[in-house]
Amino acid sequence: MLASFDTALVFAVLGPLFLLAGAWRLLGARHHAIQGRIWCTVGAILCVVALFLLLR
């Protein structure tokens, strides 16, 4: 049986995780700067979607 989960909760958890991973890449080695910016962008998009779903 599949357990149901709240989509907004998934986005609310994944968004900050992507932001943290992106910040970690940006603060790390210099050759990961582009990947870090992309991870931060994806994290920001996920956070905005989570906020939209929570306020809807």
PDB file of N, CA and C in Angstrom:
ATOM      1  N   MET A   1       0.839  -1.173   0.000  1.00  0.00           N
ATOM      2  CA  MET A   1       0.000   0.000   0.000  1.00  0.00           C
ATOM      3  C   MET A   1       0.888   1.243   0.000  1.00  0.00           C
ATOM      4  N   LEU A   2       0.550   2.197  -0.843  1.00  0.00           N
ATOM      5  CA  LEU A   2       1.314   3.429  -0.926  1.00  0.00           C
ATOM      6  C   LEU A   2       0.865   4.407   0.150  1.00  0.00           C
ATOM      7  N   ALA A   3       1.825   5.003   0.810  1.00  0.00           N
ATOM      8  CA  ALA A   3       1.499   6.010   1.816  1.00  0.00           C
ATOM      9  C   ALA A   3       1.330   7.354   1.127  1.00  0.00           C
ATOM     10  N   SER A   4       0.334   8.097   1.539  1.00  0.00           N
ATOM     11  CA  SER A   4       0.130   9.413   0.942  1.00  0.00           C
ATOM     12  C   SER A   4       1.040  10.427   1.635  1.00  0.00           C
ATOM     13  N   PHE A   5       1.436  11.428   0.918  1.00  0.00           N
ATOM     14  CA  PHE A   5       2.288  12.474   1.480  1.00  0.00           C
ATOM     15  C   PHE A   5       1.848  13.806   0.911  1.00  0.00           C
ATOM     16  N   ASP A   6       2.170  14.843   1.633  1.00  0.00           N
ATOM     17  CA  ASP A   6       1.791  16.180   1.225  1.00  0.00           C
ATOM     18  C   ASP A   6       2.858  16.739   0.290  1.00  0.00           C
ATOM     19  N   THR A   7       2.448  17.159  -0.887  1.00  0.00           N
ATOM     20  CA  THR A   7       3.380  17.681  -1.880  1.00  0.00           C
ATOM     21  C   THR A   7       4.078  18.937  -1.383  1.00  0.00           C
ATOM     22  N   ALA A   8       3.332  19.800  -0.710  1.00  0.00           N
ATOM     23  CA  ALA A   8       3.925  21.033  -0.186  1.00  0.00           C
ATOM     24  C   ALA A   8       5.031  20.717   0.816  1.00  0.00           C
ATOM     25  N   LEU A   9       4.851  19.674   1.612  1.00  0.00           N
ATOM     26  CA  LEU A   9       5.863  19.289   2.581  1.00  0.00           C
ATOM     27  C   LEU A   9       7.132  18.794   1.888  1.00  0.00           C
ATOM     28  N   VAL A  10       6.973  18.054   0.816  1.00  0.00           N
ATOM     29  CA  VAL A  10       8.134  17.570   0.061  1.00  0.00           C
ATOM     30  C   VAL A  10       8.927  18.747  -0.504  1.00  0.00           C
ATOM     31  N   PHE A  11       8.223  19.721  -1.105  1.00  0.00           N
ATOM     32  CA  PHE A  11       8.896  20.897  -1.628  1.00  0.00           C
ATOM     33  C   PHE A  11       9.527  21.719  -0.510  1.00  0.00           C
ATOM     34  N   ALA A  12       8.850  21.807   0.635  1.00  0.00           N
ATOM     35  CA  ALA A  12       9.362  22.579   1.768  1.00  0.00           C
ATOM     36  C   ALA A  12      10.614  21.947   2.358  1.00  0.00           C
ATOM     37  N   VAL A  13      10.774  20.656   2.224  1.00  0.00           N
ATOM     38  CA  VAL A  13      11.979  19.985   2.724  1.00  0.00           C
ATOM     39  C   VAL A  13      13.097  20.023   1.684  1.00  0.00           C
ATOM     40  N   LEU A  14      12.755  19.767   0.430  1.00  0.00           N
ATOM     41  CA  LEU A  14      13.780  19.712  -0.616  1.00  0.00           C
ATOM     42  C   LEU A  14      14.366  21.085  -0.949  1.00  0.00           C
ATOM     43  N   GLY A  15      13.551  22.136  -0.886  1.00  0.00           N
ATOM     44  CA  GLY A  15      14.029  23.477  -1.213  1.00  0.00           C
ATOM     45  C   GLY A  15      15.226  23.903  -0.376  1.00  0.00           C
ATOM     46  N   PRO A  16      15.086  23.918   0.961  1.00  0.00           N
ATOM     47  CA  PRO A  16      16.242  24.288   1.789  1.00  0.00           C
ATOM     48  C   PRO A  16      17.430  23.329   1.658  1.00  0.00           C
ATOM     49  N   LEU A  17      17.142  22.050   1.418  1.00  0.00           N
ATOM     50  CA  LEU A  17      18.250  21.107   1.235  1.00  0.00           C
ATOM     51  C   LEU A  17      19.066  21.455  -0.013  1.00  0.00           C
ATOM     52  N   PHE A  18      18.380  21.807  -1.092  1.00  0.00           N
ATOM     53  CA  PHE A  18      19.078  22.214  -2.309  1.00  0.00           C
ATOM     54  C   PHE A  18      19.839  23.519  -2.078  1.00  0.00           C
ATOM     55  N   LEU A  19      19.244  24.449  -1.315  1.00  0.00           N
ATOM     56  CA  LEU A  19      19.937  25.700  -1.012  1.00  0.00           C
ATOM     57  C   LEU A  19      21.212  25.438  -0.207  1.00  0.00           C
ATOM     58  N   LEU A  20      21.126  24.554   0.775  1.00  0.00           N
ATOM     59  CA  LEU A  20      22.311  24.216   1.564  1.00  0.00           C
ATOM     60  C   LEU A  20      23.378  23.522   0.719  1.00  0.00           C
ATOM     61  N   ALA A  21      22.951  22.607  -0.127  1.00  0.00           N
ATOM     62  CA  ALA A  21      23.912  21.911  -0.993  1.00  0.00           C
ATOM     63  C   ALA A  21      24.576  22.887  -1.954  1.00  0.00           C
ATOM     64  N   GLY A  22      23.802  23.824  -2.488  1.00  0.00           N
ATOM     65  CA  GLY A  22      24.370  24.823  -3.390  1.00  0.00           C
ATOM     66  C   GLY A  22      25.342  25.740  -2.679  1.00  0.00           C
ATOM     67  N   ALA A  23      24.991  26.168  -1.466  1.00  0.00           N
ATOM     68  CA  ALA A  23      25.903  27.019  -0.691  1.00  0.00           C
ATOM     69  C   ALA A  23      27.187  26.272  -0.355  1.00  0.00           C
ATOM     70  N   TRP A  24      27.051  24.981  -0.053  1.00  0.00           N
ATOM     71  CA  TRP A  24      28.231  24.181   0.267  1.00  0.00           C
ATOM     72  C   TRP A  24      29.154  24.085  -0.951  1.00  0.00           C
ATOM     73  N   ARG A  25      28.559  23.913  -2.140  1.00  0.00           N
ATOM     74  CA  ARG A  25      29.367  23.859  -3.365  1.00  0.00           C
ATOM     75  C   ARG A  25      30.008  25.207  -3.669  1.00  0.00           C
ATOM     76  N   LEU A  26      29.266  26.292  -3.421  1.00  0.00           N
ATOM     77  CA  LEU A  26      29.823  27.629  -3.695  1.00  0.00           C
ATOM     78  C   LEU A  26      30.972  27.954  -2.745  1.00  0.00           C
ATOM     79  N   LEU A  27      30.888  27.505  -1.510  1.00  0.00           N
ATOM     80  CA  LEU A  27      31.942  27.787  -0.537  1.00  0.00           C
ATOM     81  C   LEU A  27      33.115  26.831  -0.660  1.00  0.00           C
ATOM     82  N   GLY A  28      32.914  25.749  -1.393  1.00  0.00           N
ATOM     83  CA  GLY A  28      33.962  24.739  -1.540  1.00  0.00           C
ATOM     84  C   GLY A  28      34.954  25.101  -2.630  1.00  0.00           C
ATOM     85  N   ALA A  29      35.365  24.112  -3.351  1.00  0.00           N
ATOM     86  CA  ALA A  29      36.361  24.288  -4.403  1.00  0.00           C
ATOM     87  C   ALA A  29      35.844  25.229  -5.489  1.00  0.00           C
ATOM     88  N   ARG A  30      36.739  25.944  -6.103  1.00  0.00           N
ATOM     89  CA  ARG A  30      36.376  26.983  -7.067  1.00  0.00           C
ATOM     90  C   ARG A  30      35.746  26.416  -8.341  1.00  0.00           C
ATOM     91  N   HIS A  31      36.069  25.214  -8.739  1.00  0.00           N
ATOM     92  CA  HIS A  31      35.561  24.679  -9.992  1.00  0.00           C
ATOM     93  C   HIS A  31      34.110  24.207  -9.896  1.00  0.00           C
ATOM     94  N   HIS A  32      33.472  24.341  -8.724  1.00  0.00           N
ATOM     95  CA  HIS A  32      32.074  23.946  -8.566  1.00  0.00           C
ATOM     96  C   HIS A  32      31.146  25.148  -8.509  1.00  0.00           C
ATOM     97  N   ALA A  33      31.583  26.323  -8.929  1.00  0.00           N
ATOM     98  CA  ALA A  33      30.782  27.537  -8.787  1.00  0.00           C
ATOM     99  C   ALA A  33      29.509  27.479  -9.633  1.00  0.00           C
ATOM    100  N   ILE A  34      29.598  26.981 -10.845  1.00  0.00           N
ATOM    101  CA  ILE A  34      28.419  26.933 -11.716  1.00  0.00           C
ATOM    102  C   ILE A  34      27.400  25.940 -11.158  1.00  0.00           C
ATOM    103  N   GLN A  35      27.860  24.785 -10.724  1.00  0.00           N
ATOM    104  CA  GLN A  35      26.948  23.803 -10.141  1.00  0.00           C
ATOM    105  C   GLN A  35      26.304  24.356  -8.877  1.00  0.00           C
ATOM    106  N   GLY A  36      27.047  25.078  -8.074  1.00  0.00           N
ATOM    107  CA  GLY A  36      26.501  25.662  -6.857  1.00  0.00           C
ATOM    108  C   GLY A  36      25.408  26.669  -7.144  1.00  0.00           C
ATOM    109  N   ARG A  37      25.618  27.489  -8.168  1.00  0.00           N
ATOM    110  CA  ARG A  37      24.583  28.468  -8.539  1.00  0.00           C
ATOM    111  C   ARG A  37      23.330  27.771  -9.043  1.00  0.00           C
ATOM    112  N   ILE A  38      23.501  26.700  -9.798  1.00  0.00           N
ATOM    113  CA  ILE A  38      22.347  25.963 -10.312  1.00  0.00           C
ATOM    114  C   ILE A  38      21.584  25.308  -9.163  1.00  0.00           C
ATOM    115  N   TRP A  39      22.303  24.708  -8.206  1.00  0.00           N
ATOM    116  CA  TRP A  39      21.652  24.084  -7.061  1.00  0.00           C
ATOM    117  C   TRP A  39      20.902  25.128  -6.245  1.00  0.00           C
ATOM    118  N   CYS A  40      21.482  26.311  -6.077  1.00  0.00           N
ATOM    119  CA  CYS A  40      20.809  27.382  -5.342  1.00  0.00           C
ATOM    120  C   CYS A  40      19.572  27.871  -6.098  1.00  0.00           C
ATOM    121  N   THR A  41      19.660  27.941  -7.400  1.00  0.00           N
ATOM    122  CA  THR A  41      18.504  28.354  -8.199  1.00  0.00           C
ATOM    123  C   THR A  41      17.373  27.330  -8.080  1.00  0.00           C
ATOM    124  N   VAL A  42      17.698  26.062  -8.183  1.00  0.00           N
ATOM    125  CA  VAL A  42      16.683  25.012  -8.041  1.00  0.00           C
ATOM    126  C   VAL A  42      16.089  25.050  -6.639  1.00  0.00           C
ATOM    127  N   GLY A  43      16.920  25.249  -5.637  1.00  0.00           N
ATOM    128  CA  GLY A  43      16.427  25.341  -4.264  1.00  0.00           C
ATOM    129  C   GLY A  43      15.487  26.516  -4.079  1.00  0.00           C
ATOM    130  N   ALA A  44      15.823  27.652  -4.675  1.00  0.00           N
ATOM    131  CA  ALA A  44      14.952  28.825  -4.572  1.00  0.00           C
ATOM    132  C   ALA A  44      13.616  28.571  -5.263  1.00  0.00           C
ATOM    133  N   ILE A  45      13.643  27.928  -6.418  1.00  0.00           N
ATOM    134  CA  ILE A  45      12.400  27.608  -7.126  1.00  0.00           C
ATOM    135  C   ILE A  45      11.547  26.654  -6.297  1.00  0.00           C
ATOM    136  N   LEU A  46      12.167  25.646  -5.707  1.00  0.00           N
ATOM    137  CA  LEU A  46      11.416  24.704  -4.878  1.00  0.00           C
ATOM    138  C   LEU A  46      10.819  25.395  -3.664  1.00  0.00           C
ATOM    139  N   CYS A  47      11.540  26.328  -3.069  1.00  0.00           N
ATOM    140  CA  CYS A  47      11.015  27.073  -1.918  1.00  0.00           C
ATOM    141  C   CYS A  47       9.833  27.948  -2.315  1.00  0.00           C
ATOM    142  N   VAL A  48       9.910  28.574  -3.472  1.00  0.00           N
ATOM    143  CA  VAL A  48       8.801  29.411  -3.941  1.00  0.00           C
ATOM    144  C   VAL A  48       7.572  28.544  -4.216  1.00  0.00           C
ATOM    145  N   VAL A  49       7.767  27.402  -4.827  1.00  0.00           N
ATOM    146  CA  VAL A  49       6.641  26.498  -5.090  1.00  0.00           C
ATOM    147  C   VAL A  49       6.039  26.015  -3.779  1.00  0.00           C
ATOM    148  N   ALA A  50       6.872  25.682  -2.804  1.00  0.00           N
ATOM    149  CA  ALA A  50       6.363  25.229  -1.499  1.00  0.00           C
ATOM    150  C   ALA A  50       5.562  26.344  -0.837  1.00  0.00           C
ATOM    151  N   LEU A  51       6.052  27.564  -0.904  1.00  0.00           N
ATOM    152  CA  LEU A  51       5.327  28.689  -0.323  1.00  0.00           C
ATOM    153  C   LEU A  51       3.996  28.890  -1.025  1.00  0.00           C
ATOM    154  N   PHE A  52       3.989  28.779  -2.336  1.00  0.00           N
ATOM    155  CA  PHE A  52       2.741  28.905  -3.097  1.00  0.00           C
ATOM    156  C   PHE A  52       1.747  27.813  -2.694  1.00  0.00           C
ATOM    157  N   LEU A  53       2.226  26.586  -2.569  1.00  0.00           N
ATOM    158  CA  LEU A  53       1.332  25.478  -2.210  1.00  0.00           C
ATOM    159  C   LEU A  53       0.826  25.601  -0.778  1.00  0.00           C
ATOM    160  N   LEU A  54       1.655  26.097   0.109  1.00  0.00           N
ATOM    161  CA  LEU A  54       1.235  26.233   1.509  1.00  0.00           C
ATOM    162  C   LEU A  54       0.228  27.361   1.700  1.00  0.00           C
ATOM    163  N   LEU A  55       0.349  28.423   0.899  1.00  0.00           N
ATOM    164  CA  LEU A  55      -0.539  29.574   1.032  1.00  0.00           C
ATOM    165  C   LEU A  55      -1.802  29.449   0.182  1.00  0.00           C
ATOM    166  N   ARG A  56      -1.875  28.448  -0.631  1.00  0.00           N
ATOM    167  CA  ARG A  56      -3.005  28.267  -1.542  1.00  0.00           C
ATOM    168  C   ARG A  56      -4.208  27.798  -0.796  1.00  0.00           C
TER     169      ARG A  56
END
